[in-house]
Amino acid sequence: LDYSHLEDCLRTYIFKTFHKTASILALGCRAVGIIAGTDFETQNQLYQFGAHLGLSFQIADDTLDVTKSTKTLGKPNFNDVKTGLTTAPLIYAIQEGKYPELHTIATRKYSKHGDVEKAMEILSDSEGIAKSAYLSQLHLKDSLEK
């Protein structure tokens, strides 16, 4: 992600998340409509349902990655950050503008010793987690309205 244009970071994250996760659910839901012989409008509604459900799921998963233990998750926590990925919670924290150090750490993809720990410390002081949880809930709500 290009942190020099913070307004585009979340849009880019959503775009990547859609293509990584949500598109699979969207296309699967549309396929059910096709197999069932529904009309195009219903197929599109099913697609939108799957897209928003997939986005909600992935944003929630990314939020859990930075808030839960490895034992609770059943997989290593902070895995996205450890591999250099900046997900919604950290994007929101960077966008707050109160943590220039987080911007620097994210730009170098958390590659220096102590970067992951410092990023998590800053994140816990920010609104990033709450904003990400809210974004996940918005997409879940949108899925149910489709």
Protein backbone atom coordinates (compact mmCIF):
# COMPACT_ATOMS: atom_id res chain seq x y z
CA LEU A 1 0.00 0.00 0.00
CA ASP A 2 1.15 3.53 -0.77
CA TYR A 3 1.09 5.39 2.53
CA SER A 4 1.77 8.75 0.88
CA HIS A 5 -1.92 8.73 -0.18
CA LEU A 6 -3.75 7.60 2.93
CA GLU A 7 -7.17 8.31 1.47
CA ASP A 8 -6.51 5.59 -1.12
CA CYS A 9 -5.12 3.00 1.31
CA LEU A 10 -8.45 1.75 2.58
CA ARG A 11 -9.87 1.64 -0.94
CA THR A 12 -6.86 -0.42 -2.07
CA TYR A 13 -7.23 -2.72 0.95
CA ILE A 14 -10.92 -3.29 0.16
CA PHE A 15 -10.08 -3.94 -3.50
CA LYS A 16 -7.43 -6.52 -2.56
CA THR A 17 -9.69 -8.07 0.07
CA PHE A 18 -12.51 -8.40 -2.42
CA HIS A 19 -10.27 -10.18 -4.92
CA LYS A 20 -8.61 -12.36 -2.26
CA THR A 21 -11.68 -13.51 -0.33
CA ALA A 22 -14.99 -11.84 -1.06
CA SER A 23 -15.05 -12.61 -4.77
CA ILE A 24 -15.00 -16.33 -4.03
CA LEU A 25 -18.11 -16.03 -1.87
CA ALA A 26 -19.77 -13.63 -4.31
CA LEU A 27 -19.27 -15.94 -7.28
CA GLY A 28 -20.30 -18.99 -5.26
CA CYS A 29 -23.53 -17.32 -4.21
CA ARG A 30 -24.24 -16.24 -7.79
CA ALA A 31 -23.56 -19.80 -8.97
CA VAL A 32 -26.22 -21.10 -6.58
CA GLY A 33 -28.67 -18.70 -8.21
CA ILE A 34 -27.68 -19.85 -11.69
CA ILE A 35 -28.02 -23.53 -10.75
CA ALA A 36 -31.38 -22.81 -9.15
CA GLY A 37 -32.55 -21.12 -12.36
CA THR A 38 -33.19 -17.71 -10.80
CA ASP A 39 -33.46 -14.52 -12.84
CA PHE A 40 -30.51 -12.17 -13.34
CA GLU A 41 -31.69 -9.73 -10.65
CA THR A 42 -31.76 -12.49 -8.03
CA GLN A 43 -28.35 -13.73 -9.17
CA ASN A 44 -26.98 -10.21 -8.77
CA GLN A 45 -28.50 -9.95 -5.28
CA LEU A 46 -26.87 -13.25 -4.36
CA TYR A 47 -23.56 -11.96 -5.73
CA GLN A 48 -23.85 -8.75 -3.66
CA PHE A 49 -24.74 -10.80 -0.58
CA GLY A 50 -21.63 -12.95 -1.02
CA ALA A 51 -19.39 -9.96 -1.75
CA HIS A 52 -20.39 -8.10 1.41
CA LEU A 53 -20.34 -11.25 3.52
CA GLY A 54 -16.85 -12.03 2.23
CA LEU A 55 -15.62 -8.52 2.97
CA SER A 56 -17.12 -8.65 6.44
CA PHE A 57 -15.50 -12.02 7.10
CA GLN A 58 -12.03 -10.96 5.93
CA ILE A 59 -12.07 -7.63 7.76
CA ALA A 60 -13.15 -9.46 10.94
CA ASP A 61 -10.40 -12.04 10.38
CA ASP A 62 -7.81 -9.28 9.93
CA THR A 63 -9.04 -7.63 13.12
CA LEU A 64 -8.90 -10.88 15.06
CA ASP A 65 -5.33 -11.40 13.80
CA VAL A 66 -4.20 -8.36 15.81
CA THR A 67 -6.46 -8.79 18.84
CA LYS A 68 -6.49 -12.49 19.72
CA SER A 69 -3.86 -14.98 20.83
CA THR A 70 -2.40 -17.71 18.69
CA LYS A 71 -4.15 -20.25 20.93
CA THR A 72 -7.54 -18.57 20.47
CA LEU A 73 -7.12 -18.19 16.71
CA GLY A 74 -5.75 -21.67 16.13
CA LYS A 75 -3.11 -20.06 13.89
CA PRO A 76 -0.25 -17.63 14.49
CA ASN A 77 -1.45 -14.16 15.47
CA PHE A 78 0.03 -11.00 13.94
CA ASN A 79 0.73 -13.14 10.88
CA ASP A 80 -0.31 -10.45 8.39
CA VAL A 81 1.93 -7.86 10.03
CA LYS A 82 4.82 -10.31 10.31
CA THR A 83 4.61 -10.87 6.55
CA GLY A 84 4.56 -7.14 5.84
CA LEU A 85 0.83 -6.69 5.22
CA THR A 86 -1.05 -3.70 6.53
CA THR A 87 -4.71 -4.50 7.09
CA ALA A 88 -7.72 -2.37 8.06
CA PRO A 89 -6.92 -1.94 11.77
CA LEU A 90 -3.47 -0.54 11.01
CA ILE A 91 -4.68 1.55 8.07
CA TYR A 92 -7.23 3.21 10.34
CA ALA A 93 -4.57 3.79 13.01
CA ILE A 94 -2.26 5.39 10.44
CA GLN A 95 -5.10 7.54 9.12
CA GLU A 96 -5.60 9.02 12.60
CA GLY A 97 -2.40 10.97 11.99
CA LYS A 98 -1.33 10.73 15.64
CA TYR A 99 1.23 8.00 15.05
CA PRO A 100 3.90 9.06 12.51
CA GLU A 101 6.10 6.21 13.74
CA LEU A 102 3.45 3.68 12.66
CA HIS A 103 3.47 5.20 9.17
CA THR A 104 7.25 4.71 9.03
CA ILE A 105 7.06 1.15 10.36
CA ALA A 106 4.32 0.19 7.88
CA THR A 107 6.22 1.75 4.96
CA ARG A 108 9.17 -0.52 5.67
CA LYS A 109 6.75 -3.46 6.01
CA TYR A 110 7.51 -4.10 9.68
CA SER A 111 10.95 -5.41 8.71
CA LYS A 112 13.11 -4.10 11.56
CA HIS A 113 13.50 -5.89 14.86
CA GLY A 114 10.73 -4.71 17.19
CA ASP A 115 8.53 -3.24 14.45
CA VAL A 116 5.70 -5.74 14.92
CA GLU A 117 5.64 -5.21 18.67
CA LYS A 118 5.73 -1.42 18.31
CA ALA A 119 2.97 -1.48 15.70
CA MET A 120 0.78 -3.59 18.00
CA GLU A 121 1.47 -1.24 20.90
CA ILE A 122 0.46 1.78 18.83
CA LEU A 123 -2.56 -0.06 17.44
CA SER A 124 -3.85 -0.84 20.93
CA ASP A 125 -3.77 2.90 21.70
CA SER A 126 -5.59 3.85 18.50
CA GLU A 127 -9.15 3.59 17.19
CA GLY A 128 -8.04 1.21 14.44
CA ILE A 129 -9.48 -1.94 15.95
CA ALA A 130 -12.85 -0.38 16.74
CA LYS A 131 -13.11 1.21 13.29
CA SER A 132 -12.26 -2.10 11.61
CA ALA A 133 -14.85 -3.97 13.65
CA TYR A 134 -17.39 -1.33 12.66
CA LEU A 135 -16.46 -1.66 8.96
CA SER A 136 -16.91 -5.42 9.20
CA GLN A 137 -20.34 -4.91 10.77
CA LEU A 138 -21.31 -2.46 8.00
CA HIS A 139 -20.51 -5.04 5.35
CA LEU A 140 -22.38 -7.72 7.29
CA LYS A 141 -25.40 -5.42 7.47
CA ASP A 142 -25.08 -4.68 3.75
CA SER A 143 -24.99 -8.41 3.00
CA LEU A 144 -28.24 -8.93 4.85
CA GLU A 145 -29.93 -6.09 3.00
CA LYS A 146 -29.08 -7.48 -0.45
